[in-house]
């Protein structure tokens, strides 16, 4: 594993997600969240996701982790729900 790849996935969570047979989208999102929380403070998660997406480009395009990484790169994985008082304000 290259240093750049090891820096982007230090615990190997994304690598392992691609190795799990029959993994679903919910599991991939959970793994992704754990991965993102484990990144160093100075690391941009969208750049790291782009590096990983490029590295795993040989994986099937319909793999759920590919979709999760693509969403992170595209910025479409933003929160869709606002909670608390902010959600009730017009």
C-alpha atoms as a PDB file:
ATOM      1  CA  UNK A   1       0.000   0.000   0.000  1.00  0.00           C
ATOM      2  CA  UNK A   2       1.418   3.364  -0.993  1.00  0.00           C
ATOM      3  CA  UNK A   3       1.994   6.082   1.606  1.00  0.00           C
ATOM      4  CA  UNK A   4      -0.637   8.295  -0.005  1.00  0.00           C
ATOM      5  CA  UNK A   5      -3.213   5.506   0.096  1.00  0.00           C
ATOM      6  CA  UNK A   6      -2.266   4.581   3.662  1.00  0.00           C
ATOM      7  CA  UNK A   7      -2.727   8.236   4.688  1.00  0.00           C
ATOM      8  CA  UNK A   8      -6.186   8.270   3.067  1.00  0.00           C
ATOM      9  CA  UNK A   9      -7.291   4.975   4.636  1.00  0.00           C
ATOM     10  CA  UNK A  10      -5.030   4.486   7.669  1.00  0.00           C
ATOM     11  CA  UNK A  11      -7.153   1.775   9.290  1.00  0.00           C
ATOM     12  CA  UNK A  12      -8.002   0.029   6.013  1.00  0.00           C
ATOM     13  CA  UNK A  13     -11.749   0.455   6.468  1.00  0.00           C
ATOM     14  CA  UNK A  14     -12.499   1.284   2.851  1.00  0.00           C
ATOM     15  CA  UNK A  15     -10.248  -1.533   1.634  1.00  0.00           C
ATOM     16  CA  UNK A  16     -12.093  -4.011   3.846  1.00  0.00           C
ATOM     17  CA  UNK A  17     -15.496  -2.722   2.701  1.00  0.00           C
ATOM     18  CA  UNK A  18     -14.592  -3.660  -0.853  1.00  0.00           C
ATOM     19  CA  UNK A  19     -13.639  -7.163   0.335  1.00  0.00           C
ATOM     20  CA  UNK A  20     -16.931  -7.931   2.095  1.00  0.00           C
ATOM     21  CA  UNK A  21     -19.232 -10.024  -0.086  1.00  0.00           C
ATOM     22  CA  UNK A  22     -22.833  -8.849  -0.156  1.00  0.00           C
ATOM     23  CA  UNK A  23     -22.213  -5.589   1.702  1.00  0.00           C
ATOM     24  CA  UNK A  24     -25.119  -3.169   1.469  1.00  0.00           C
ATOM     25  CA  UNK A  25     -25.416   0.598   1.148  1.00  0.00           C
ATOM     26  CA  UNK A  26     -26.264   1.088   4.839  1.00  0.00           C
ATOM     27  CA  UNK A  27     -23.148  -0.805   5.907  1.00  0.00           C
ATOM     28  CA  UNK A  28     -21.016   1.216   3.493  1.00  0.00           C
ATOM     29  CA  UNK A  29     -22.386   4.503   4.828  1.00  0.00           C
ATOM     30  CA  UNK A  30     -21.656   3.365   8.382  1.00  0.00           C
ATOM     31  CA  UNK A  31     -18.111   2.336   7.439  1.00  0.00           C
ATOM     32  CA  UNK A  32     -17.645   5.635   5.609  1.00  0.00           C
ATOM     33  CA  UNK A  33     -18.727   7.610   8.678  1.00  0.00           C
ATOM     34  CA  UNK A  34     -16.287   5.666  10.852  1.00  0.00           C
ATOM     35  CA  UNK A  35     -13.579   6.258   8.226  1.00  0.00           C
ATOM     36  CA  UNK A  36     -14.311  10.002   8.047  1.00  0.00           C
ATOM     37  CA  UNK A  37     -14.257  10.382  11.825  1.00  0.00           C
ATOM     38  CA  UNK A  38     -10.894   8.646  11.910  1.00  0.00           C
ATOM     39  CA  UNK A  39      -9.184  11.065   9.526  1.00  0.00           C
ATOM     40  CA  UNK A  40      -6.688  13.553  10.888  1.00  0.00           C
ATOM     41  CA  UNK A  41      -7.985  17.047  11.580  1.00  0.00           C
ATOM     42  CA  UNK A  42      -5.928  18.618   8.793  1.00  0.00           C
ATOM     43  CA  UNK A  43      -7.123  16.117   6.190  1.00  0.00           C
ATOM     44  CA  UNK A  44      -9.840  17.017   3.669  1.00  0.00           C
ATOM     45  CA  UNK A  45     -12.259  14.085   3.488  1.00  0.00           C
ATOM     46  CA  UNK A  46     -13.422  14.876  -0.055  1.00  0.00           C
ATOM     47  CA  UNK A  47      -9.835  14.809  -1.347  1.00  0.00           C
ATOM     48  CA  UNK A  48      -9.123  11.572   0.519  1.00  0.00           C
ATOM     49  CA  UNK A  49     -12.345  10.088  -0.890  1.00  0.00           C
ATOM     50  CA  UNK A  50     -11.261  11.112  -4.406  1.00  0.00           C
ATOM     51  CA  UNK A  51      -7.907   9.366  -3.941  1.00  0.00           C
ATOM     52  CA  UNK A  52      -9.658   6.221  -2.730  1.00  0.00           C
ATOM     53  CA  UNK A  53     -12.219   6.360  -5.519  1.00  0.00           C
ATOM     54  CA  UNK A  54      -9.416   6.583  -8.051  1.00  0.00           C
ATOM     55  CA  UNK A  55      -7.548   3.704  -6.417  1.00  0.00           C
ATOM     56  CA  UNK A  56     -10.615   1.450  -6.405  1.00  0.00           C
ATOM     57  CA  UNK A  57     -11.714   2.421  -9.929  1.00  0.00           C
ATOM     58  CA  UNK A  58     -11.263  -1.214 -10.984  1.00  0.00           C
ATOM     59  CA  UNK A  59     -14.020  -2.316  -8.624  1.00  0.00           C
ATOM     60  CA  UNK A  60     -17.562  -2.758  -9.983  1.00  0.00           C
ATOM     61  CA  UNK A  61     -19.277   0.587 -10.557  1.00  0.00           C
ATOM     62  CA  UNK A  62     -22.381  -0.691  -8.758  1.00  0.00           C
ATOM     63  CA  UNK A  63     -20.513  -1.511  -5.534  1.00  0.00           C
ATOM     64  CA  UNK A  64     -22.204   0.431  -2.721  1.00  0.00           C
ATOM     65  CA  UNK A  65     -18.892   1.803  -1.401  1.00  0.00           C
ATOM     66  CA  UNK A  66     -18.152   3.231  -4.842  1.00  0.00           C
ATOM     67  CA  UNK A  67     -21.466   5.116  -4.663  1.00  0.00           C
ATOM     68  CA  UNK A  68     -20.709   6.388  -1.155  1.00  0.00           C
ATOM     69  CA  UNK A  69     -17.243   7.591  -2.168  1.00  0.00           C
ATOM     70  CA  UNK A  70     -18.647   9.205  -5.312  1.00  0.00           C
ATOM     71  CA  UNK A  71     -21.243  11.040  -3.234  1.00  0.00           C
ATOM     72  CA  UNK A  72     -18.474  12.302  -0.939  1.00  0.00           C
ATOM     73  CA  UNK A  73     -16.446  13.559  -3.888  1.00  0.00           C
ATOM     74  CA  UNK A  74     -19.477  15.174  -5.528  1.00  0.00           C
ATOM     75  CA  UNK A  75     -20.628  16.741  -2.278  1.00  0.00           C
ATOM     76  CA  UNK A  76     -24.073  15.161  -2.537  1.00  0.00           C
ATOM     77  CA  UNK A  77     -23.719  13.350   0.762  1.00  0.00           C
ATOM     78  CA  UNK A  78     -24.662  16.489   2.676  1.00  0.00           C
ATOM     79  CA  UNK A  79     -27.118  16.306   5.532  1.00  0.00           C
ATOM     80  CA  UNK A  80     -30.670  16.261   4.255  1.00  0.00           C
ATOM     81  CA  UNK A  81     -32.348  16.918   7.553  1.00  0.00           C
ATOM     82  CA  UNK A  82     -32.202  19.844   9.887  1.00  0.00           C
ATOM     83  CA  UNK A  83     -33.065  19.093  13.468  1.00  0.00           C
ATOM     84  CA  UNK A  84     -34.143  21.060  16.449  1.00  0.00           C
ATOM     85  CA  UNK A  85     -35.542  24.555  16.375  1.00  0.00           C
ATOM     86  CA  UNK A  86     -33.852  25.404  13.064  1.00  0.00           C
ATOM     87  CA  UNK A  87     -36.094  22.906  11.285  1.00  0.00           C
ATOM     88  CA  UNK A  88     -39.243  24.543  12.595  1.00  0.00           C
ATOM     89  CA  UNK A  89     -38.353  28.102  11.591  1.00  0.00           C
ATOM     90  CA  UNK A  90     -39.659  29.462   8.326  1.00  0.00           C
END
